[in-house]
Amino acid sequence: MAEQKDRSGLKLFDAVLLVGAGAIAIIVVIFVITSVLSIVWFLIKAAIVIAVIAALGMFLLRRRR
């Protein structure tokens, strides 16, 4: 009988799959983080615009009286 070498550890294909999955995971994480940050930045800008409009409205209403 031929003796088989007992290879423990990752095979080349397993390593390639692991590196590919890691790269895809990094891309997804970056996409999610940038999406969340852009939504937060949009909400901050919207709040600033609403505050400026409210301040102008109150200023104009006070001048009328």
N, C-alpha and C. Protein backbone atom coordinates (compact mmCIF):
# COMPACT_ATOMS: atom_id res chain seq x y z
N MET A 1 0.82 -1.19 0.00
CA MET A 1 0.00 0.00 0.00
C MET A 1 0.87 1.25 0.00
N ALA A 2 0.37 2.24 -0.70
CA ALA A 2 1.09 3.50 -0.73
C ALA A 2 0.68 4.33 0.47
N GLU A 3 1.66 4.87 1.09
CA GLU A 3 1.36 5.70 2.26
C GLU A 3 0.98 7.11 1.80
N GLN A 4 -0.08 7.64 2.39
CA GLN A 4 -0.50 9.01 2.09
C GLN A 4 0.15 9.95 3.08
N LYS A 5 0.56 11.08 2.56
CA LYS A 5 1.11 12.10 3.44
C LYS A 5 -0.06 12.79 4.14
N ASP A 6 0.01 12.90 5.43
CA ASP A 6 -1.04 13.56 6.19
C ASP A 6 -0.76 15.06 6.19
N ARG A 7 -1.52 15.78 5.36
CA ARG A 7 -1.34 17.22 5.25
C ARG A 7 -2.38 17.91 6.11
N SER A 8 -1.93 18.49 7.16
CA SER A 8 -2.85 19.28 7.97
C SER A 8 -2.66 20.74 7.59
N GLY A 9 -3.69 21.53 7.77
CA GLY A 9 -3.62 22.93 7.42
C GLY A 9 -4.44 23.22 6.18
N LEU A 10 -4.27 24.41 5.65
CA LEU A 10 -5.07 24.84 4.51
C LEU A 10 -4.45 24.37 3.21
N LYS A 11 -5.32 23.97 2.32
CA LYS A 11 -4.87 23.71 0.96
C LYS A 11 -4.88 25.03 0.20
N LEU A 12 -4.29 25.05 -0.97
CA LEU A 12 -4.18 26.28 -1.73
C LEU A 12 -5.56 26.83 -2.08
N PHE A 13 -6.48 25.96 -2.50
CA PHE A 13 -7.82 26.42 -2.87
C PHE A 13 -8.54 27.02 -1.67
N ASP A 14 -8.37 26.40 -0.51
CA ASP A 14 -8.99 26.93 0.72
C ASP A 14 -8.43 28.30 1.06
N ALA A 15 -7.13 28.47 0.88
CA ALA A 15 -6.50 29.75 1.18
C ALA A 15 -7.00 30.83 0.22
N VAL A 16 -7.15 30.48 -1.06
CA VAL A 16 -7.66 31.44 -2.04
C VAL A 16 -9.08 31.85 -1.71
N LEU A 17 -9.90 30.87 -1.33
CA LEU A 17 -11.28 31.18 -0.94
C LEU A 17 -11.31 32.06 0.30
N LEU A 18 -10.44 31.79 1.25
CA LEU A 18 -10.40 32.58 2.47
C LEU A 18 -9.98 34.02 2.19
N VAL A 19 -8.97 34.20 1.35
CA VAL A 19 -8.53 35.55 1.00
C VAL A 19 -9.62 36.28 0.22
N GLY A 20 -10.28 35.58 -0.71
CA GLY A 20 -11.37 36.19 -1.48
C GLY A 20 -12.53 36.61 -0.59
N ALA A 21 -12.89 35.76 0.34
CA ALA A 21 -13.99 36.10 1.26
C ALA A 21 -13.60 37.28 2.14
N GLY A 22 -12.35 37.33 2.56
CA GLY A 22 -11.89 38.46 3.37
C GLY A 22 -11.93 39.76 2.58
N ALA A 23 -11.54 39.72 1.31
CA ALA A 23 -11.56 40.92 0.47
C ALA A 23 -12.99 41.40 0.26
N ILE A 24 -13.89 40.46 0.00
CA ILE A 24 -15.30 40.83 -0.19
C ILE A 24 -15.88 41.40 1.10
N ALA A 25 -15.52 40.82 2.24
CA ALA A 25 -16.01 41.33 3.53
C ALA A 25 -15.51 42.75 3.78
N ILE A 26 -14.27 43.03 3.43
CA ILE A 26 -13.72 44.39 3.62
C ILE A 26 -14.47 45.38 2.74
N ILE A 27 -14.74 44.99 1.49
CA ILE A 27 -15.47 45.88 0.57
C ILE A 27 -16.87 46.16 1.10
N VAL A 28 -17.54 45.13 1.60
CA VAL A 28 -18.90 45.30 2.13
C VAL A 28 -18.88 46.21 3.36
N VAL A 29 -17.91 46.02 4.24
CA VAL A 29 -17.82 46.85 5.45
C VAL A 29 -17.58 48.31 5.08
N ILE A 30 -16.70 48.55 4.12
CA ILE A 30 -16.44 49.92 3.69
C ILE A 30 -17.71 50.54 3.09
N PHE A 31 -18.43 49.76 2.28
CA PHE A 31 -19.68 50.25 1.69
C PHE A 31 -20.69 50.61 2.76
N VAL A 32 -20.84 49.75 3.75
CA VAL A 32 -21.82 50.00 4.82
C VAL A 32 -21.43 51.23 5.64
N ILE A 33 -20.16 51.34 5.98
CA ILE A 33 -19.71 52.48 6.78
C ILE A 33 -19.91 53.79 6.03
N THR A 34 -19.56 53.81 4.74
CA THR A 34 -19.73 55.06 3.98
C THR A 34 -21.21 55.39 3.79
N SER A 35 -22.04 54.37 3.65
CA SER A 35 -23.48 54.61 3.52
C SER A 35 -24.04 55.22 4.81
N VAL A 36 -23.68 54.65 5.93
CA VAL A 36 -24.18 55.15 7.22
C VAL A 36 -23.68 56.58 7.45
N LEU A 37 -22.40 56.82 7.16
CA LEU A 37 -21.87 58.16 7.37
C LEU A 37 -22.52 59.18 6.44
N SER A 38 -22.82 58.78 5.21
CA SER A 38 -23.48 59.73 4.29
C SER A 38 -24.90 60.02 4.73
N ILE A 39 -25.60 59.04 5.28
CA ILE A 39 -26.96 59.28 5.79
C ILE A 39 -26.90 60.23 6.99
N VAL A 40 -25.95 60.01 7.89
CA VAL A 40 -25.80 60.88 9.06
C VAL A 40 -25.47 62.30 8.62
N TRP A 41 -24.56 62.46 7.65
CA TRP A 41 -24.18 63.78 7.16
C TRP A 41 -25.37 64.48 6.51
N PHE A 42 -26.19 63.73 5.75
CA PHE A 42 -27.39 64.30 5.16
C PHE A 42 -28.35 64.80 6.23
N LEU A 43 -28.53 64.03 7.30
CA LEU A 43 -29.43 64.44 8.38
C LEU A 43 -28.91 65.69 9.08
N ILE A 44 -27.59 65.78 9.26
CA ILE A 44 -27.01 66.98 9.88
C ILE A 44 -27.25 68.20 8.99
N LYS A 45 -27.00 68.05 7.69
CA LYS A 45 -27.23 69.17 6.78
C LYS A 45 -28.70 69.57 6.75
N ALA A 46 -29.61 68.60 6.75
CA ALA A 46 -31.04 68.90 6.75
C ALA A 46 -31.43 69.64 8.03
N ALA A 47 -30.89 69.23 9.16
CA ALA A 47 -31.19 69.90 10.43
C ALA A 47 -30.68 71.34 10.41
N ILE A 48 -29.51 71.57 9.83
CA ILE A 48 -28.98 72.93 9.75
C ILE A 48 -29.86 73.80 8.86
N VAL A 49 -30.28 73.26 7.72
CA VAL A 49 -31.15 74.02 6.82
C VAL A 49 -32.48 74.36 7.50
N ILE A 50 -33.07 73.39 8.18
CA ILE A 50 -34.34 73.62 8.88
C ILE A 50 -34.16 74.66 9.98
N ALA A 51 -33.04 74.61 10.70
CA ALA A 51 -32.78 75.59 11.76
C ALA A 51 -32.62 76.99 11.18
N VAL A 52 -31.93 77.11 10.05
CA VAL A 52 -31.76 78.43 9.43
C VAL A 52 -33.11 78.97 8.95
N ILE A 53 -33.93 78.12 8.34
CA ILE A 53 -35.24 78.55 7.88
C ILE A 53 -36.12 78.97 9.06
N ALA A 54 -36.07 78.20 10.15
CA ALA A 54 -36.86 78.55 11.33
C ALA A 54 -36.39 79.86 11.94
N ALA A 55 -35.07 80.07 11.99
CA ALA A 55 -34.55 81.32 12.55
C ALA A 55 -34.95 82.50 11.68
N LEU A 56 -34.88 82.37 10.38
CA LEU A 56 -35.30 83.45 9.48
C LEU A 56 -36.79 83.72 9.62
N GLY A 57 -37.58 82.67 9.75
CA GLY A 57 -39.02 82.84 9.93
C GLY A 57 -39.35 83.57 11.21
N MET A 58 -38.69 83.19 12.29
CA MET A 58 -38.95 83.88 13.56
C MET A 58 -38.49 85.33 13.49
N PHE A 59 -37.36 85.58 12.83
CA PHE A 59 -36.87 86.95 12.68
C PHE A 59 -37.85 87.80 11.87
N LEU A 60 -38.37 87.25 10.79
CA LEU A 60 -39.31 88.00 9.96
C LEU A 60 -40.63 88.22 10.67
N LEU A 61 -41.09 87.25 11.44
CA LEU A 61 -42.35 87.42 12.18
C LEU A 61 -42.20 88.46 13.28
N ARG A 62 -41.05 88.54 13.92
CA ARG A 62 -40.83 89.54 14.98
C ARG A 62 -40.76 90.94 14.38
N ARG A 63 -40.21 91.08 13.19
CA ARG A 63 -40.11 92.40 12.57
C ARG A 63 -41.47 92.93 12.17
N ARG A 64 -42.39 92.05 11.86
CA ARG A 64 -43.73 92.47 11.42
C ARG A 64 -44.47 93.19 12.52
N ARG A 65 -44.28 92.77 13.74
CA ARG A 65 -45.06 93.33 14.85
C ARG A 65 -44.67 94.71 15.19
